[in-house]
Amino acid sequence: MSTLLDVNNLTVTIDETTLLSSVSFHINEGDYLCIVGANGAGKSTLLKVLLGIIKPTSGDIAIHQQAVSRLNQKQLAQHISYVPQAHDQQFNFTVIDFIKMSRYAYHTALSDWANDDQEAFELAIAITNTESFLQRQMQTLSGGERQRIMIAAALCQQASLLLLDEPTSFLDPHYQAEVHQLICQLNQQHELSIIEVSHDLNHAVQHSSSILALKHGEKMWFGASSAFLDTEQVHTLYDQQFVFTKHPQTGAKIALVSESL
């Protein structure tokens, strides 16, 4: 399987504060990587660097063996799409217009909506089951409905790598499960490569193929998800004691925060 994204010795320093320090990792096509770590570990900063919002101080990023630094914003958007956290974003658009705007990377100011655009749009709303929302205003949607639309827009963009920043935070358990199920479906059935920032250790271990653990802007661990739940490394990552048990349905190892002092 070929390498999709290659990150080498990535360092970000802003106002003499180092946010990321010599971070290296890679993902192959079809991988599902979860980035974990405590608040302030550098997770969201890393996503912003991959999206071209923050320029690295040093280091290299390549996608499909192309240096990201040589791509303009539209070119990068053809490779990488993004879904933010599910807080109350205010978008004064209808759902159909919002999703269609995600095709900007393939258009100029004078270009028309083409067959390729329509095909991408129809596939995105079919996969996310959002046909019934198209005429609604974005601000009328619930948090869970809005996340499905955000994912539909990202799919309509037809990028090979989807970045998600805590996509189920602020959602109730029903919508958390629904969004997680959709993300797994995108990866497993549609072979979309995914990088997700998550605070849910058990979700990360059970659903992703690999994990990148960051602490104070440094890579503390990178490897297969199945090998991550080691007592010492999880304790070191969060400065918190954990206990481990088996999931009552699947039998998979899960981590619980220890409340003992």
Protein backbone atom coordinates (compact mmCIF):
# COMPACT_ATOMS: atom_id res chain seq x y z
CA MET A 1 0.00 0.00 0.00
CA SER A 2 1.46 3.36 -1.04
CA THR A 3 2.20 6.24 1.32
CA LEU A 4 -0.40 9.01 1.23
CA LEU A 5 0.98 11.52 3.74
CA ASP A 6 4.56 11.79 4.99
CA VAL A 7 5.45 14.21 7.80
CA ASN A 8 9.15 14.59 8.69
CA ASN A 9 10.62 16.52 11.64
CA LEU A 10 7.78 19.02 11.77
CA THR A 11 8.45 21.94 14.11
CA VAL A 12 6.22 24.96 14.76
CA THR A 13 7.44 27.88 16.85
CA ILE A 14 5.30 31.00 17.30
CA ASP A 15 6.42 33.98 19.41
CA GLU A 16 9.28 31.89 20.84
CA THR A 17 6.83 29.21 21.98
CA THR A 18 7.33 25.77 20.44
CA LEU A 19 3.94 24.20 19.67
CA LEU A 20 5.29 21.16 17.79
CA SER A 21 8.82 19.76 18.02
CA SER A 22 10.32 17.39 15.42
CA VAL A 23 7.11 15.43 14.87
CA SER A 24 7.35 12.66 12.25
CA PHE A 25 4.75 10.14 11.09
CA HIS A 26 3.17 8.80 7.93
CA ILE A 27 -0.09 7.25 6.81
CA ASN A 28 -0.80 4.99 3.87
CA GLU A 29 -3.78 5.16 1.55
CA GLY A 30 -6.86 3.84 3.34
CA ASP A 31 -5.41 4.33 6.85
CA TYR A 32 -7.40 5.70 9.78
CA LEU A 33 -5.12 7.59 12.18
CA CYS A 34 -6.30 9.01 15.52
CA ILE A 35 -4.29 11.77 17.17
CA VAL A 36 -4.60 11.73 20.96
CA GLY A 37 -3.13 13.70 23.84
CA ALA A 38 -4.06 16.11 26.60
CA ASN A 39 -5.26 19.66 25.98
CA GLY A 40 -2.41 21.79 24.66
CA ALA A 41 -0.49 18.79 23.28
CA GLY A 42 -0.41 20.23 19.75
CA LYS A 43 -3.18 18.17 18.14
CA SER A 44 -5.16 21.04 16.58
CA THR A 45 -1.94 22.85 15.68
CA LEU A 46 -0.88 19.80 13.68
CA LEU A 47 -4.17 19.82 11.76
CA LYS A 48 -3.77 23.54 11.01
CA VAL A 49 -0.29 22.89 9.61
CA LEU A 50 -1.61 20.09 7.39
CA LEU A 51 -4.35 22.44 6.17
CA GLY A 52 -1.86 25.19 5.34
CA ILE A 53 -3.30 27.57 7.95
CA ILE A 54 -0.05 27.60 9.96
CA LYS A 55 3.33 27.48 8.25
CA PRO A 56 5.87 25.18 9.91
CA THR A 57 9.11 26.63 11.22
CA SER A 58 10.96 23.62 9.84
CA GLY A 59 10.28 20.14 8.55
CA ASP A 60 8.64 18.67 5.48
CA ILE A 61 5.13 17.50 4.58
CA ALA A 62 4.37 15.58 1.41
CA ILE A 63 1.03 14.29 0.15
CA HIS A 64 1.02 11.88 -2.79
CA GLN A 65 4.78 12.57 -2.88
CA GLN A 66 4.16 16.28 -3.54
CA ALA A 67 5.57 18.87 -1.14
CA VAL A 68 2.64 20.61 0.53
CA SER A 69 4.68 23.84 0.62
CA ARG A 70 4.52 23.96 -3.19
CA LEU A 71 0.74 23.64 -3.39
CA ASN A 72 -1.59 26.63 -3.41
CA GLN A 73 -4.76 26.57 -1.31
CA LYS A 74 -6.97 25.21 -4.10
CA GLN A 75 -4.48 22.48 -4.97
CA LEU A 76 -4.20 21.50 -1.31
CA ALA A 77 -8.01 21.41 -1.03
CA GLN A 78 -8.11 18.81 -3.79
CA HIS A 79 -6.01 16.55 -1.53
CA ILE A 80 -7.26 17.38 1.99
CA SER A 81 -10.74 18.13 3.33
CA TYR A 82 -11.67 19.14 6.87
CA VAL A 83 -14.52 18.78 9.37
CA PRO A 84 -14.31 21.00 12.49
CA GLN A 85 -15.74 20.46 15.95
CA ALA A 86 -19.52 20.30 16.25
CA HIS A 87 -20.03 23.55 18.12
CA ASP A 88 -22.60 26.15 17.07
CA GLN A 89 -21.11 27.40 13.83
CA GLN A 90 -23.34 30.03 12.23
CA PHE A 91 -23.68 29.65 8.47
CA ASN A 92 -26.26 31.80 6.68
CA PHE A 93 -26.74 29.38 3.79
CA THR A 94 -29.12 26.67 2.74
CA VAL A 95 -27.72 23.16 3.12
CA ILE A 96 -27.61 22.61 -0.65
CA ASP A 97 -25.63 25.82 -1.21
CA PHE A 98 -23.26 25.03 1.64
CA ILE A 99 -22.42 21.59 0.28
CA LYS A 100 -22.01 22.89 -3.28
CA MET A 101 -19.55 25.55 -2.11
CA SER A 102 -17.12 22.76 -1.23
CA ARG A 103 -16.43 22.37 -4.97
CA TYR A 104 -14.54 25.69 -4.96
CA ALA A 105 -11.21 23.92 -5.42
CA TYR A 106 -12.24 22.85 -8.92
CA HIS A 107 -13.69 26.19 -10.06
CA THR A 108 -12.69 29.64 -11.18
CA ALA A 109 -14.84 32.73 -10.79
CA LEU A 110 -16.36 32.18 -14.24
CA SER A 111 -16.69 28.39 -14.36
CA ASP A 112 -20.08 26.67 -14.41
CA TRP A 113 -21.43 23.78 -12.36
CA ALA A 114 -20.42 20.70 -14.35
CA ASN A 115 -21.34 17.02 -14.50
CA ASP A 116 -18.37 16.12 -12.28
CA ASP A 117 -19.63 18.57 -9.66
CA GLN A 118 -23.14 17.12 -9.73
CA GLU A 119 -21.87 13.56 -9.48
CA ALA A 120 -19.70 14.43 -6.48
CA PHE A 121 -22.63 16.25 -4.85
CA GLU A 122 -25.10 13.40 -5.36
CA LEU A 123 -22.66 10.79 -4.04
CA ALA A 124 -21.88 12.87 -0.94
CA ILE A 125 -25.52 13.35 0.05
CA ALA A 126 -26.32 9.69 -0.66
CA ILE A 127 -23.48 8.41 1.56
CA THR A 128 -24.38 10.78 4.40
CA ASN A 129 -28.15 10.33 3.97
CA THR A 130 -28.75 14.08 3.91
CA GLU A 131 -31.15 14.42 0.96
CA SER A 132 -34.00 15.50 3.25
CA PHE A 133 -32.00 18.46 4.62
CA LEU A 134 -31.10 20.16 1.33
CA GLN A 135 -33.65 23.01 1.42
CA ARG A 136 -33.17 23.80 5.10
CA GLN A 137 -31.09 26.66 6.47
CA MET A 138 -27.86 25.58 8.15
CA GLN A 139 -28.74 27.41 11.38
CA THR A 140 -31.92 25.33 11.79
CA LEU A 141 -30.03 22.04 12.06
CA SER A 142 -29.20 20.26 15.28
CA GLY A 143 -25.55 19.66 16.13
CA GLY A 144 -25.65 16.09 14.89
CA GLU A 145 -27.46 17.03 11.68
CA ARG A 146 -24.95 19.81 11.08
CA GLN A 147 -22.03 17.41 11.46
CA ARG A 148 -23.50 15.13 8.82
CA ILE A 149 -23.74 18.13 6.49
CA MET A 150 -20.14 19.11 7.27
CA ILE A 151 -19.05 15.57 6.39
CA ALA A 152 -21.18 15.68 3.21
CA ALA A 153 -19.42 18.90 2.17
CA ALA A 154 -16.02 17.34 2.86
CA LEU A 155 -16.95 14.33 0.71
CA CYS A 156 -18.21 16.56 -2.08
CA GLN A 157 -14.71 18.09 -2.11
CA GLN A 158 -13.40 14.68 -3.31
CA ALA A 159 -10.13 14.90 -1.41
CA SER A 160 -8.21 11.71 -0.67
CA LEU A 161 -7.57 12.63 3.00
CA LEU A 162 -10.22 13.73 5.50
CA LEU A 163 -9.17 15.59 8.66
CA LEU A 164 -11.59 15.72 11.61
CA ASP A 165 -11.06 17.76 14.77
CA GLU A 166 -13.00 16.10 17.61
CA PRO A 167 -16.03 15.61 15.35
CA THR A 168 -18.32 14.28 18.10
CA SER A 169 -17.54 16.76 20.86
CA PHE A 170 -20.67 18.68 21.98
CA LEU A 171 -22.94 15.93 20.58
CA ASP A 172 -25.31 13.76 22.58
CA PRO A 173 -24.65 9.98 22.71
CA HIS A 174 -27.06 9.20 19.85
CA TYR A 175 -25.36 11.57 17.45
CA GLN A 176 -21.90 10.60 18.70
CA ALA A 177 -22.62 7.00 17.72
CA GLU A 178 -24.16 8.06 14.40
CA VAL A 179 -21.20 10.25 13.40
CA HIS A 180 -18.65 7.62 14.52
CA GLN A 181 -20.48 5.00 12.47
CA LEU A 182 -20.45 7.26 9.41
CA ILE A 183 -16.71 7.95 9.77
CA CYS A 184 -15.96 4.22 10.03
CA GLN A 185 -18.14 3.60 6.98
CA LEU A 186 -16.19 6.19 4.98
CA ASN A 187 -12.93 4.49 5.89
CA GLN A 188 -13.93 0.84 5.60
CA GLN A 189 -16.44 0.86 2.75
CA HIS A 190 -15.34 3.87 0.73
CA GLU A 191 -11.61 3.54 1.48
CA LEU A 192 -11.25 7.18 2.48
CA SER A 193 -8.06 7.97 4.42
CA ILE A 194 -8.79 9.68 7.74
CA ILE A 195 -6.92 11.62 10.41
CA GLU A 196 -9.07 12.33 13.47
CA VAL A 197 -8.21 14.25 16.62
CA SER A 198 -9.96 12.52 19.50
CA HIS A 199 -10.16 12.69 23.30
CA ASP A 200 -11.93 9.32 23.38
CA LEU A 201 -9.18 6.77 23.93
CA ASN A 202 -11.47 3.79 23.57
CA HIS A 203 -12.94 5.05 20.31
CA ALA A 204 -9.41 5.67 18.99
CA VAL A 205 -8.22 2.18 19.90
CA GLN A 206 -11.28 0.33 18.69
CA HIS A 207 -11.88 2.10 15.37
CA SER A 208 -8.63 3.54 14.03
CA SER A 209 -5.78 1.56 12.49
CA SER A 210 -2.99 3.64 14.05
CA ILE A 211 -2.50 6.21 16.79
CA LEU A 212 -0.23 9.23 17.12
CA ALA A 213 0.13 10.37 20.74
CA LEU A 214 1.39 13.92 21.36
CA LYS A 215 2.57 15.44 24.64
CA HIS A 216 3.79 19.03 24.97
CA GLY A 217 4.15 19.21 21.18
CA GLU A 218 6.33 16.12 20.91
CA LYS A 219 5.57 12.67 19.51
CA MET A 220 5.34 10.34 22.47
CA TRP A 221 4.06 7.29 20.58
CA PHE A 222 3.14 6.26 17.06
CA GLY A 223 2.01 2.80 16.02
CA ALA A 224 -0.80 0.31 15.64
CA SER A 225 -3.93 1.12 17.65
CA SER A 226 -4.15 -2.44 18.95
CA ALA A 227 -0.85 -1.98 20.81
CA PHE A 228 -1.58 1.39 22.39
CA LEU A 229 -3.32 0.57 25.66
CA ASP A 230 -0.21 -0.06 27.67
CA THR A 231 -0.60 1.11 31.27
CA GLU A 232 2.62 3.10 31.52
CA GLN A 233 2.42 4.97 28.22
CA VAL A 234 -1.23 6.01 28.70
CA HIS A 235 -0.46 7.13 32.26
CA THR A 236 2.54 9.14 31.02
CA LEU A 237 0.53 10.72 28.19
CA TYR A 238 -2.19 12.11 30.45
CA ASP A 239 -0.47 12.17 33.88
CA GLN A 240 -3.44 10.12 35.03
CA GLN A 241 -3.92 6.61 36.34
CA PHE A 242 -6.12 4.26 34.30
CA VAL A 243 -7.61 0.84 34.91
CA PHE A 244 -8.29 -1.63 32.13
CA THR A 245 -11.12 -4.02 31.53
CA LYS A 246 -12.89 -5.80 28.65
CA HIS A 247 -15.76 -4.35 26.67
CA PRO A 248 -18.86 -6.34 27.73
CA GLN A 249 -20.02 -6.80 24.10
CA THR A 250 -16.85 -7.08 22.03
CA GLY A 251 -14.32 -8.28 24.60
CA ALA A 252 -11.88 -5.58 23.45
CA LYS A 253 -9.57 -4.00 26.02
CA ILE A 254 -10.81 -0.60 27.16
CA ALA A 255 -9.39 2.09 29.45
CA LEU A 256 -11.23 3.70 32.37
CA VAL A 257 -10.00 6.66 34.38
CA SER A 258 -9.00 5.57 37.87
CA GLU A 259 -10.71 7.68 40.55
CA SER A 260 -8.43 6.51 43.35
CA LEU A 261 -6.11 9.16 44.78
